[in-house]
Amino acid sequence: MSNNNLKFVSFNHVYLQKSWDWLNDEEIKKLTSTPDFTRQQQRDFFDSLPRKDYKVWGMEFDDNPIGVVGLKKITPSSAEYFGYIGEKGFWGKRLFPIMLQFILLEAKLLDIKFIYLKVRSDNQRAIRAYQREGFTISGGNENMIEMTMRVI
C-alpha cells in the first residue's frame, strides 16, 4: 500500500455521515473518548463550520473516505490535534506520520507554536505512535494523558 494515496479533503456531508457511523462504533468511541451525541447535535456542529477555533478535514485513500483529522481549541499560540481512522482496515498502516505532517503544515499556516493532544492512558499503541513522531507527555491523570509538540 502506498501512502501517497492518502489525501486530505473538505469535511463535507459524506464525512458527516461516515463520522456518525465511525464515532458510534463501540471500539472507536472508546479509543477517541467520544461522548454520546445525537444527529441533531452533529448537524448543529456541522452547521457551525467554518470556525476560526476549529479546522477539520476528511481523509480519503484511493478516493474512499477513511477518517477525519483536525485542530480544535485554536488560539494564537496553540491548538489541540485530533484525528482518527474510522475504516479499521487502515489501522496499523503507518498513516499517522502523514496525518501529522499535514496538521503541522496547517498549524504553521495559522502561526501556531504548539499542538497538543489528549489520549486515553490505556491506548498504548497510540501513545507509542505519538512519541515516535515527537510528542512528549506533558500532563494528565490515570485516565487521560496530554502530549505536546512544538510546531517548527
Protein backbone atom coordinates (compact mmCIF):
# COMPACT_ATOMS: atom_id res chain seq x y z
CA MET A 1 0.00 0.00 0.00
CA SER A 2 1.39 3.39 -0.99
CA ASN A 3 0.74 6.17 1.49
CA ASN A 4 0.86 8.62 -1.43
CA ASN A 5 -2.80 7.70 -1.97
CA LEU A 6 -3.82 9.45 1.28
CA LYS A 7 -5.47 12.81 0.63
CA PHE A 8 -6.95 15.48 2.86
CA VAL A 9 -10.23 16.91 1.62
CA SER A 10 -13.07 19.18 2.73
CA PHE A 11 -15.15 17.85 5.58
CA ASN A 12 -18.49 17.53 3.82
CA HIS A 13 -21.81 15.68 4.24
CA VAL A 14 -20.16 12.38 3.25
CA TYR A 15 -17.75 12.71 6.19
CA LEU A 16 -20.56 13.88 8.44
CA GLN A 17 -22.44 10.63 7.79
CA LYS A 18 -19.31 8.50 7.99
CA SER A 19 -18.38 10.18 11.28
CA TRP A 20 -21.76 9.23 12.69
CA ASP A 21 -21.02 5.59 11.88
CA TRP A 22 -17.36 5.69 12.94
CA LEU A 23 -17.89 7.54 16.23
CA ASN A 24 -20.76 5.26 17.20
CA ASP A 25 -18.61 2.17 16.72
CA GLU A 26 -18.01 0.93 20.26
CA GLU A 27 -14.24 0.46 19.84
CA ILE A 28 -13.62 3.79 18.09
CA LYS A 29 -15.87 5.62 20.53
CA LYS A 30 -13.83 4.26 23.43
CA LEU A 31 -10.43 4.98 21.82
CA THR A 32 -11.42 8.56 20.96
CA SER A 33 -13.27 9.19 24.25
CA THR A 34 -16.26 10.37 22.23
CA PRO A 35 -19.30 11.22 24.36
CA ASP A 36 -22.79 10.25 23.27
CA PHE A 37 -24.24 12.67 20.74
CA THR A 38 -27.40 12.99 18.69
CA ARG A 39 -27.80 13.51 14.98
CA GLN A 40 -29.12 17.00 15.75
CA GLN A 41 -26.01 17.83 17.79
CA GLN A 42 -23.89 16.56 14.92
CA ARG A 43 -25.82 18.69 12.40
CA ASP A 44 -25.50 21.73 14.67
CA PHE A 45 -21.74 21.16 14.81
CA PHE A 46 -21.55 20.82 11.02
CA ASP A 47 -23.63 23.98 10.54
CA SER A 48 -21.20 25.89 12.79
CA LEU A 49 -18.37 25.31 10.29
CA PRO A 50 -16.19 27.02 9.22
CA ARG A 51 -14.95 28.45 12.51
CA LYS A 52 -11.73 30.20 13.50
CA ASP A 53 -11.22 27.91 16.51
CA TYR A 54 -11.84 24.62 14.69
CA LYS A 55 -10.43 23.19 11.44
CA VAL A 56 -11.39 19.74 10.20
CA TRP A 57 -10.61 17.69 7.10
CA GLY A 58 -11.74 14.37 5.76
CA MET A 59 -9.13 11.78 4.83
CA GLU A 60 -9.51 9.63 1.79
CA PHE A 61 -7.47 6.78 0.45
CA ASP A 62 -7.91 5.97 -3.24
CA ASP A 63 -11.00 8.24 -3.23
CA ASN A 64 -12.61 6.35 -0.32
CA PRO A 65 -13.34 8.14 2.98
CA ILE A 66 -11.31 6.55 5.78
CA GLY A 67 -11.13 9.10 8.60
CA VAL A 68 -11.02 12.63 9.93
CA VAL A 69 -8.24 14.91 11.17
CA GLY A 70 -8.15 18.43 12.50
CA LEU A 71 -7.27 21.11 15.00
CA LYS A 72 -9.60 22.41 17.70
CA LYS A 73 -9.45 24.92 20.53
CA ILE A 74 -7.24 27.03 18.25
CA THR A 75 -5.64 30.04 19.94
CA PRO A 76 -2.90 32.36 18.67
CA SER A 77 -0.26 30.05 20.17
CA SER A 78 -1.68 26.53 20.39
CA ALA A 79 -4.29 24.04 19.18
CA GLU A 80 -5.44 20.57 20.08
CA TYR A 81 -4.82 17.88 17.48
CA PHE A 82 -7.47 15.25 16.85
CA GLY A 83 -7.72 12.53 14.30
CA TYR A 84 -8.97 9.03 13.79
CA ILE A 85 -9.08 6.41 11.09
CA GLY A 86 -12.64 5.15 11.03
CA GLU A 87 -12.06 2.39 8.50
CA LYS A 88 -10.42 -0.29 10.62
CA GLY A 89 -8.80 -1.96 7.61
CA PHE A 90 -6.45 1.03 7.54
CA TRP A 91 -5.36 0.73 11.17
CA GLY A 92 -1.68 -0.08 11.61
CA LYS A 93 -0.75 1.11 8.10
CA ARG A 94 1.56 3.90 9.37
CA LEU A 95 -0.73 6.68 8.16
CA PHE A 96 -0.30 8.78 11.32
CA PRO A 97 3.04 10.32 10.21
CA ILE A 98 1.32 11.62 7.06
CA MET A 99 -1.64 12.91 9.09
CA LEU A 100 0.73 14.70 11.46
CA GLN A 101 2.79 16.18 8.63
CA PHE A 102 -0.40 17.64 7.16
CA ILE A 103 -1.53 19.05 10.52
CA LEU A 104 1.89 20.57 11.21
CA LEU A 105 1.76 22.38 7.85
CA GLU A 106 -1.73 23.68 8.65
CA ALA A 107 -0.59 24.75 12.13
CA LYS A 108 2.33 26.67 10.61
CA LEU A 109 -0.07 28.48 8.28
CA LEU A 110 -2.03 29.56 11.36
CA ASP A 111 1.22 30.58 13.13
CA ILE A 112 0.53 28.09 15.92
CA LYS A 113 3.57 27.37 18.11
CA PHE A 114 2.43 24.19 19.92
CA ILE A 115 -0.02 21.41 19.26
CA TYR A 116 -1.21 19.09 21.96
CA LEU A 117 -3.47 16.08 22.17
CA LYS A 118 -5.27 14.01 24.75
CA VAL A 119 -5.14 10.24 24.64
CA ARG A 120 -6.52 7.53 26.88
CA SER A 121 -3.76 6.24 29.14
CA ASP A 122 -4.66 2.66 28.17
CA ASN A 123 -4.19 3.38 24.45
CA GLN A 124 -0.53 2.37 24.41
CA ARG A 125 -0.46 1.86 20.65
CA ALA A 126 -1.41 5.50 20.04
CA ILE A 127 0.91 6.79 22.77
CA ARG A 128 3.86 4.98 21.17
CA ALA A 129 2.95 6.36 17.74
CA TYR A 130 2.72 9.90 19.11
CA GLN A 131 6.07 9.57 20.89
CA ARG A 132 7.69 8.12 17.78
CA GLU A 133 6.66 11.28 15.90
CA GLY A 134 7.94 13.71 18.54
CA PHE A 135 5.13 14.28 21.05
CA THR A 136 6.15 14.30 24.71
CA ILE A 137 3.97 13.66 27.73
CA SER A 138 3.15 16.99 29.36
CA GLY A 139 0.45 16.05 31.87
CA GLY A 140 -2.64 14.05 32.55
CA ASN A 141 -4.10 11.66 35.08
CA GLU A 142 -4.75 7.93 35.42
CA ASN A 143 -7.32 8.03 32.59
CA MET A 144 -6.01 10.60 30.10
CA ILE A 145 -2.54 11.71 29.07
CA GLU A 146 -1.79 15.08 27.50
CA MET A 147 1.04 15.20 24.99
CA THR A 148 2.63 18.26 23.38
CA MET A 149 4.75 19.03 20.33
CA ARG A 150 6.39 22.25 19.21
CA VAL A 151 5.47 23.32 15.68
CA ILE A 152 8.75 24.03 13.90
